[in-house]
PDB file of N, CA and C in Angstrom:
ATOM      1  N   MET A   1       0.761  -1.167  -0.255  1.00  0.00           N
ATOM      2  CA  MET A   1      -0.117   0.054   0.256  1.00  0.00           C
ATOM      3  C   MET A   1       0.810   1.331   0.179  1.00  0.00           C
ATOM      4  N   THR A   2       0.657   2.522  -0.617  1.00  0.00           N
ATOM      5  CA  THR A   2       1.345   3.471  -1.040  1.00  0.00           C
ATOM      6  C   THR A   2       1.005   4.492   0.031  1.00  0.00           C
ATOM      7  N   PRO A   3       1.901   5.215   1.108  1.00  0.00           N
ATOM      8  CA  PRO A   3       1.435   6.036   1.755  1.00  0.00           C
ATOM      9  C   PRO A   3       0.838   7.245   1.082  1.00  0.00           C
ATOM     10  N   VAL A   4       0.068   7.513   1.575  1.00  0.00           N
ATOM     11  CA  VAL A   4      -0.782   9.401   1.109  1.00  0.00           C
ATOM     12  C   VAL A   4      -0.339  10.474   1.601  1.00  0.00           C
ATOM     13  N   PRO A   5       0.286  11.119   1.272  1.00  0.00           N
ATOM     14  CA  PRO A   5       0.680  12.383   1.747  1.00  0.00           C
ATOM     15  C   PRO A   5      -0.468  13.423   2.559  1.00  0.00           C
ATOM     16  N   THR A   6      -0.169  13.401   4.132  1.00  0.00           N
ATOM     17  CA  THR A   6      -1.080  14.073   4.257  1.00  0.00           C
ATOM     18  C   THR A   6      -0.919  15.680   4.953  1.00  0.00           C
ATOM     19  N   GLY A   7      -1.698  16.601   4.564  1.00  0.00           N
ATOM     20  CA  GLY A   7      -1.306  17.900   4.656  1.00  0.00           C
ATOM     21  C   GLY A   7      -2.046  18.969   5.844  1.00  0.00           C
ATOM     22  N   GLN A   8      -1.831  19.604   6.429  1.00  0.00           N
ATOM     23  CA  GLN A   8      -2.337  20.722   7.483  1.00  0.00           C
ATOM     24  C   GLN A   8      -1.709  21.906   7.197  1.00  0.00           C
ATOM     25  N   TYR A   9      -2.622  23.038   7.853  1.00  0.00           N
ATOM     26  CA  TYR A   9      -1.829  23.937   8.033  1.00  0.00           C
ATOM     27  C   TYR A   9      -1.262  24.237   9.951  1.00  0.00           C
ATOM     28  N   VAL A  10       0.169  24.445   9.569  1.00  0.00           N
ATOM     29  CA  VAL A  10       0.360  24.492  10.719  1.00  0.00           C
ATOM     30  C   VAL A  10       0.664  26.067  11.596  1.00  0.00           C
ATOM     31  N   ALA A  11       0.771  26.485  12.688  1.00  0.00           N
ATOM     32  CA  ALA A  11       1.341  27.914  13.141  1.00  0.00           C
ATOM     33  C   ALA A  11       2.645  28.012  13.171  1.00  0.00           C
ATOM     34  N   SER A  12       3.257  29.087  13.081  1.00  0.00           N
ATOM     35  CA  SER A  12       4.756  29.357  13.242  1.00  0.00           C
ATOM     36  C   SER A  12       5.115  30.215  14.144  1.00  0.00           C
ATOM     37  N   ALA A  13       5.613  30.152  14.413  1.00  0.00           N
ATOM     38  CA  ALA A  13       5.880  31.014  16.140  1.00  0.00           C
ATOM     39  C   ALA A  13       5.566  32.256  16.122  1.00  0.00           C
ATOM     40  N   ASP A  14       5.330  33.150  15.119  1.00  0.00           N
ATOM     41  CA  ASP A  14       4.339  34.041  15.090  1.00  0.00           C
ATOM     42  C   ASP A  14       3.082  34.510  14.789  1.00  0.00           C
ATOM     43  N   GLY A  15       2.489  32.910  14.895  1.00  0.00           N
ATOM     44  CA  GLY A  15       0.953  32.400  14.305  1.00  0.00           C
ATOM     45  C   GLY A  15       0.413  32.527  12.919  1.00  0.00           C
ATOM     46  N   THR A  16       1.781  33.031  11.925  1.00  0.00           N
ATOM     47  CA  THR A  16       0.993  32.824  10.379  1.00  0.00           C
ATOM     48  C   THR A  16       0.717  31.451  10.301  1.00  0.00           C
ATOM     49  N   HIS A  17      -0.250  31.013   9.338  1.00  0.00           N
ATOM     50  CA  HIS A  17      -0.512  29.515   9.370  1.00  0.00           C
ATOM     51  C   HIS A  17       0.115  29.205   7.894  1.00  0.00           C
ATOM     52  N   ILE A  18       0.967  28.372   8.015  1.00  0.00           N
ATOM     53  CA  ILE A  18       1.756  27.656   6.769  1.00  0.00           C
ATOM     54  C   ILE A  18       1.106  26.167   6.278  1.00  0.00           C
ATOM     55  N   TRP A  19       1.027  25.931   4.941  1.00  0.00           N
ATOM     56  CA  TRP A  19       0.468  24.466   4.576  1.00  0.00           C
ATOM     57  C   TRP A  19       1.804  23.705   4.562  1.00  0.00           C
ATOM     58  N   ALA A  20       1.590  22.348   5.565  1.00  0.00           N
ATOM     59  CA  ALA A  20       2.639  21.262   5.252  1.00  0.00           C
ATOM     60  C   ALA A  20       2.052  20.160   5.275  1.00  0.00           C
ATOM     61  N   GLU A  21       2.966  19.563   4.455  1.00  0.00           N
ATOM     62  CA  GLU A  21       2.157  18.181   4.115  1.00  0.00           C
ATOM     63  C   GLU A  21       4.101  17.185   4.451  1.00  0.00           C
ATOM     64  N   ASP A  22       3.192  15.875   4.723  1.00  0.00           N
ATOM     65  CA  ASP A  22       4.565  14.818   5.533  1.00  0.00           C
ATOM     66  C   ASP A  22       3.952  13.631   4.501  1.00  0.00           C
ATOM     67  N   ALA A  23       4.975  12.585   4.263  1.00  0.00           N
ATOM     68  CA  ALA A  23       4.732  11.138   3.465  1.00  0.00           C
ATOM     69  C   ALA A  23       5.946  10.362   3.940  1.00  0.00           C
ATOM     70  N   GLY A  24       5.429   9.066   3.974  1.00  0.00           N
ATOM     71  CA  GLY A  24       6.477   8.268   3.720  1.00  0.00           C
ATOM     72  C   GLY A  24       6.871   7.459   5.335  1.00  0.00           C
ATOM     73  N   ASN A  25       7.995   6.910   5.607  1.00  0.00           N
ATOM     74  CA  ASN A  25       8.102   5.712   6.933  1.00  0.00           C
ATOM     75  C   ASN A  25       8.741   6.802   7.675  1.00  0.00           C
ATOM     76  N   LYS A  26       7.935   7.035   8.695  1.00  0.00           N
ATOM     77  CA  LYS A  26       8.085   7.980   9.980  1.00  0.00           C
ATOM     78  C   LYS A  26       9.301   7.269  11.009  1.00  0.00           C
ATOM     79  N   ALA A  27       9.671   6.324  10.255  1.00  0.00           N
ATOM     80  CA  ALA A  27      10.924   5.842  11.045  1.00  0.00           C
ATOM     81  C   ALA A  27      11.925   5.922  10.237  1.00  0.00           C
ATOM     82  N   GLY A  28      11.590   6.388   8.994  1.00  0.00           N
ATOM     83  CA  GLY A  28      13.223   6.631   8.114  1.00  0.00           C
ATOM     84  C   GLY A  28      13.490   7.906   8.098  1.00  0.00           C
ATOM     85  N   ILE A  29      14.849   7.980   7.031  1.00  0.00           N
ATOM     86  CA  ILE A  29      15.126   8.918   7.438  1.00  0.00           C
ATOM     87  C   ILE A  29      14.609  10.464   7.157  1.00  0.00           C
ATOM     88  N   PRO A  30      14.360  11.528   8.050  1.00  0.00           N
ATOM     89  CA  PRO A  30      13.452  12.765   7.685  1.00  0.00           C
ATOM     90  C   PRO A  30      14.324  13.368   7.007  1.00  0.00           C
ATOM     91  N   VAL A  31      13.804  14.343   5.401  1.00  0.00           N
ATOM     92  CA  VAL A  31      13.950  14.857   4.835  1.00  0.00           C
ATOM     93  C   VAL A  31      12.989  16.452   4.660  1.00  0.00           C
ATOM     94  N   VAL A  32      13.584  17.441   4.536  1.00  0.00           N
ATOM     95  CA  VAL A  32      12.367  18.516   4.497  1.00  0.00           C
ATOM     96  C   VAL A  32      12.934  18.911   3.046  1.00  0.00           C
ATOM     97  N   PHE A  33      11.478  18.998   2.208  1.00  0.00           N
ATOM     98  CA  PHE A  33      12.016  19.820   0.786  1.00  0.00           C
ATOM     99  C   PHE A  33      11.127  21.691   0.485  1.00  0.00           C
ATOM    100  N   ILE A  34      12.344  22.028   0.677  1.00  0.00           N
ATOM    101  CA  ILE A  34      12.136  23.799   0.630  1.00  0.00           C
ATOM    102  C   ILE A  34      12.070  24.432  -1.178  1.00  0.00           C
ATOM    103  N   HIS A  35      10.723  24.625  -1.513  1.00  0.00           N
ATOM    104  CA  HIS A  35      11.221  25.398  -2.656  1.00  0.00           C
ATOM    105  C   HIS A  35      11.641  26.530  -2.853  1.00  0.00           C
ATOM    106  N   GLY A  36      11.885  27.350  -4.158  1.00  0.00           N
ATOM    107  CA  GLY A  36      12.539  28.653  -4.073  1.00  0.00           C
ATOM    108  C   GLY A  36      11.297  29.373  -4.356  1.00  0.00           C
ATOM    109  N   LEU A  37      11.866  30.792  -4.727  1.00  0.00           N
ATOM    110  CA  LEU A  37      10.893  31.854  -4.270  1.00  0.00           C
ATOM    111  C   LEU A  37      10.001  31.795  -5.582  1.00  0.00           C
ATOM    112  N   SER A  38      10.170  31.412  -6.566  1.00  0.00           N
ATOM    113  CA  SER A  38       8.901  31.390  -7.474  1.00  0.00           C
ATOM    114  C   SER A  38       8.541  30.142  -7.606  1.00  0.00           C
ATOM    115  N   SER A  39       7.944  29.607  -6.861  1.00  0.00           N
ATOM    116  CA  SER A  39       7.556  27.898  -7.376  1.00  0.00           C
ATOM    117  C   SER A  39       6.825  27.587  -6.239  1.00  0.00           C
ATOM    118  N   THR A  40       5.790  26.478  -5.833  1.00  0.00           N
ATOM    119  CA  THR A  40       5.500  26.097  -5.009  1.00  0.00           C
ATOM    120  C   THR A  40       5.686  24.886  -4.746  1.00  0.00           C
ATOM    121  N   ASN A  41       5.290  24.070  -3.435  1.00  0.00           N
ATOM    122  CA  ASN A  41       5.675  22.521  -2.960  1.00  0.00           C
ATOM    123  C   ASN A  41       5.579  21.463  -4.317  1.00  0.00           C
ATOM    124  N   ILE A  42       4.475  22.056  -5.021  1.00  0.00           N
ATOM    125  CA  ILE A  42       4.102  20.955  -6.126  1.00  0.00           C
ATOM    126  C   ILE A  42       5.821  20.471  -7.020  1.00  0.00           C
ATOM    127  N   ILE A  43       6.628  21.037  -6.966  1.00  0.00           N
ATOM    128  CA  ILE A  43       7.692  20.780  -7.401  1.00  0.00           C
ATOM    129  C   ILE A  43       8.356  19.454  -7.025  1.00  0.00           C
ATOM    130  N   TRP A  44       7.698  19.181  -5.472  1.00  0.00           N
ATOM    131  CA  TRP A  44       8.433  17.967  -5.058  1.00  0.00           C
ATOM    132  C   TRP A  44       7.359  16.455  -5.388  1.00  0.00           C
ATOM    133  N   GLU A  45       6.662  16.659  -6.594  1.00  0.00           N
ATOM    134  CA  GLU A  45       5.479  15.685  -6.577  1.00  0.00           C
ATOM    135  C   GLU A  45       5.943  14.710  -7.025  1.00  0.00           C
ATOM    136  N   LYS A  46       6.883  14.589  -8.122  1.00  0.00           N
ATOM    137  CA  LYS A  46       7.488  13.189  -8.197  1.00  0.00           C
ATOM    138  C   LYS A  46       8.489  12.450  -6.951  1.00  0.00           C
ATOM    139  N   GLN A  47       8.698  13.161  -5.824  1.00  0.00           N
ATOM    140  CA  GLN A  47       9.828  12.468  -4.747  1.00  0.00           C
ATOM    141  C   GLN A  47       8.571  12.216  -4.125  1.00  0.00           C
ATOM    142  N   PHE A  48       7.080  13.117  -3.758  1.00  0.00           N
ATOM    143  CA  PHE A  48       6.303  12.380  -3.186  1.00  0.00           C
ATOM    144  C   PHE A  48       5.530  11.079  -3.435  1.00  0.00           C
ATOM    145  N   SER A  49       5.665  10.911  -4.885  1.00  0.00           N
ATOM    146  CA  SER A  49       5.001   9.939  -5.033  1.00  0.00           C
ATOM    147  C   SER A  49       6.455   8.900  -5.510  1.00  0.00           C
ATOM    148  N   ASP A  50       7.244   8.650  -5.154  1.00  0.00           N
ATOM    149  CA  ASP A  50       8.167   7.600  -5.510  1.00  0.00           C
ATOM    150  C   ASP A  50       8.362   6.601  -4.548  1.00  0.00           C
ATOM    151  N   LEU A  51       7.731   5.241  -4.631  1.00  0.00           N
ATOM    152  CA  LEU A  51       7.391   4.507  -3.886  1.00  0.00           C
ATOM    153  C   LEU A  51       8.665   4.058  -2.777  1.00  0.00           C
ATOM    154  N   GLU A  52      10.074   3.778  -3.672  1.00  0.00           N
ATOM    155  CA  GLU A  52      11.117   3.666  -2.877  1.00  0.00           C
ATOM    156  C   GLU A  52      11.433   4.928  -1.851  1.00  0.00           C
ATOM    157  N   LEU A  53      11.471   6.003  -2.155  1.00  0.00           N
ATOM    158  CA  LEU A  53      11.747   7.152  -1.268  1.00  0.00           C
ATOM    159  C   LEU A  53      10.656   7.238  -0.046  1.00  0.00           C
ATOM    160  N   LEU A  54       9.347   7.183  -0.447  1.00  0.00           N
ATOM    161  CA  LEU A  54       8.301   6.831   0.596  1.00  0.00           C
ATOM    162  C   LEU A  54       8.310   5.536   1.144  1.00  0.00           C
ATOM    163  N   GLU A  55       9.087   4.484   1.273  1.00  0.00           N
ATOM    164  CA  GLU A  55       9.305   3.259   1.948  1.00  0.00           C
ATOM    165  C   GLU A  55      10.821   3.714   2.676  1.00  0.00           C
ATOM    166  N   ASN A  56      11.685   4.490   2.214  1.00  0.00           N
ATOM    167  CA  ASN A  56      12.665   4.689   2.993  1.00  0.00           C
ATOM    168  C   ASN A  56      12.873   6.176   3.859  1.00  0.00           C
ATOM    169  N   LEU A  57      12.209   7.021   3.272  1.00  0.00           N
ATOM    170  CA  LEU A  57      12.246   8.596   3.908  1.00  0.00           C
ATOM    171  C   LEU A  57      11.059   8.993   4.385  1.00  0.00           C
ATOM    172  N   TYR A  58      10.816   9.664   5.714  1.00  0.00           N
ATOM    173  CA  TYR A  58      10.041  10.601   5.992  1.00  0.00           C
ATOM    174  C   TYR A  58      10.339  11.909   5.411  1.00  0.00           C
ATOM    175  N   MET A  59       9.202  12.265   4.436  1.00  0.00           N
ATOM    176  CA  MET A  59       9.396  13.439   3.756  1.00  0.00           C
ATOM    177  C   MET A  59       8.295  14.595   4.171  1.00  0.00           C
ATOM    178  N   ILE A  60       8.873  15.741   4.333  1.00  0.00           N
ATOM    179  CA  ILE A  60       8.101  16.955   4.669  1.00  0.00           C
ATOM    180  C   ILE A  60       8.527  18.093   3.272  1.00  0.00           C
ATOM    181  N   ARG A  61       7.288  18.668   3.033  1.00  0.00           N
ATOM    182  CA  ARG A  61       7.530  19.925   2.242  1.00  0.00           C
ATOM    183  C   ARG A  61       6.612  20.353   3.127  1.00  0.00           C
ATOM    184  N   TYR A  62       6.674  21.885   2.729  1.00  0.00           N
ATOM    185  CA  TYR A  62       5.611  23.172   3.002  1.00  0.00           C
ATOM    186  C   TYR A  62       5.914  24.078   2.136  1.00  0.00           C
ATOM    187  N   GLU A  63       4.914  25.128   2.124  1.00  0.00           N
ATOM    188  CA  GLU A  63       4.880  26.568   1.752  1.00  0.00           C
ATOM    189  C   GLU A  63       5.345  27.881   2.100  1.00  0.00           C
ATOM    190  N   LEU A  64       5.906  28.234   1.124  1.00  0.00           N
ATOM    191  CA  LEU A  64       6.522  29.077   1.747  1.00  0.00           C
ATOM    192  C   LEU A  64       5.545  30.407   2.730  1.00  0.00           C
ATOM    193  N   ARG A  65       5.780  31.522   3.078  1.00  0.00           N
ATOM    194  CA  ARG A  65       4.649  32.531   3.590  1.00  0.00           C
ATOM    195  C   ARG A  65       4.372  32.635   2.377  1.00  0.00           C
ATOM    196  N   GLY A  66       3.023  33.108   2.026  1.00  0.00           N
ATOM    197  CA  GLY A  66       2.432  33.977   1.293  1.00  0.00           C
ATOM    198  C   GLY A  66       1.933  33.024  -0.017  1.00  0.00           C
ATOM    199  N   ARG A  67       2.120  31.562  -0.276  1.00  0.00           N
ATOM    200  CA  ARG A  67       2.125  30.694  -1.018  1.00  0.00           C
ATOM    201  C   ARG A  67       0.815  29.262  -0.850  1.00  0.00           C
ATOM    202  N   SER A  68       0.356  29.784   0.564  1.00  0.00           N
ATOM    203  CA  SER A  68      -0.811  28.526   0.617  1.00  0.00           C
ATOM    204  C   SER A  68      -1.790  29.271  -0.168  1.00  0.00           C
TER     205      SER A  68
END
């Protein structure tokens, strides 16, 4: 069974709500994917749907402020 990314808004230290998603093996190596200023977290879709990565890594991606 393929783990499905789950997402939610999380509050930053100053109370700003930021969209974040996680997927993969929570016991695996954690990896945080951060996109550049001119894109969104959708650029990491290939990694978040790769079965080998999902099996071995705990992946987290989030939107920069103002991108959700």
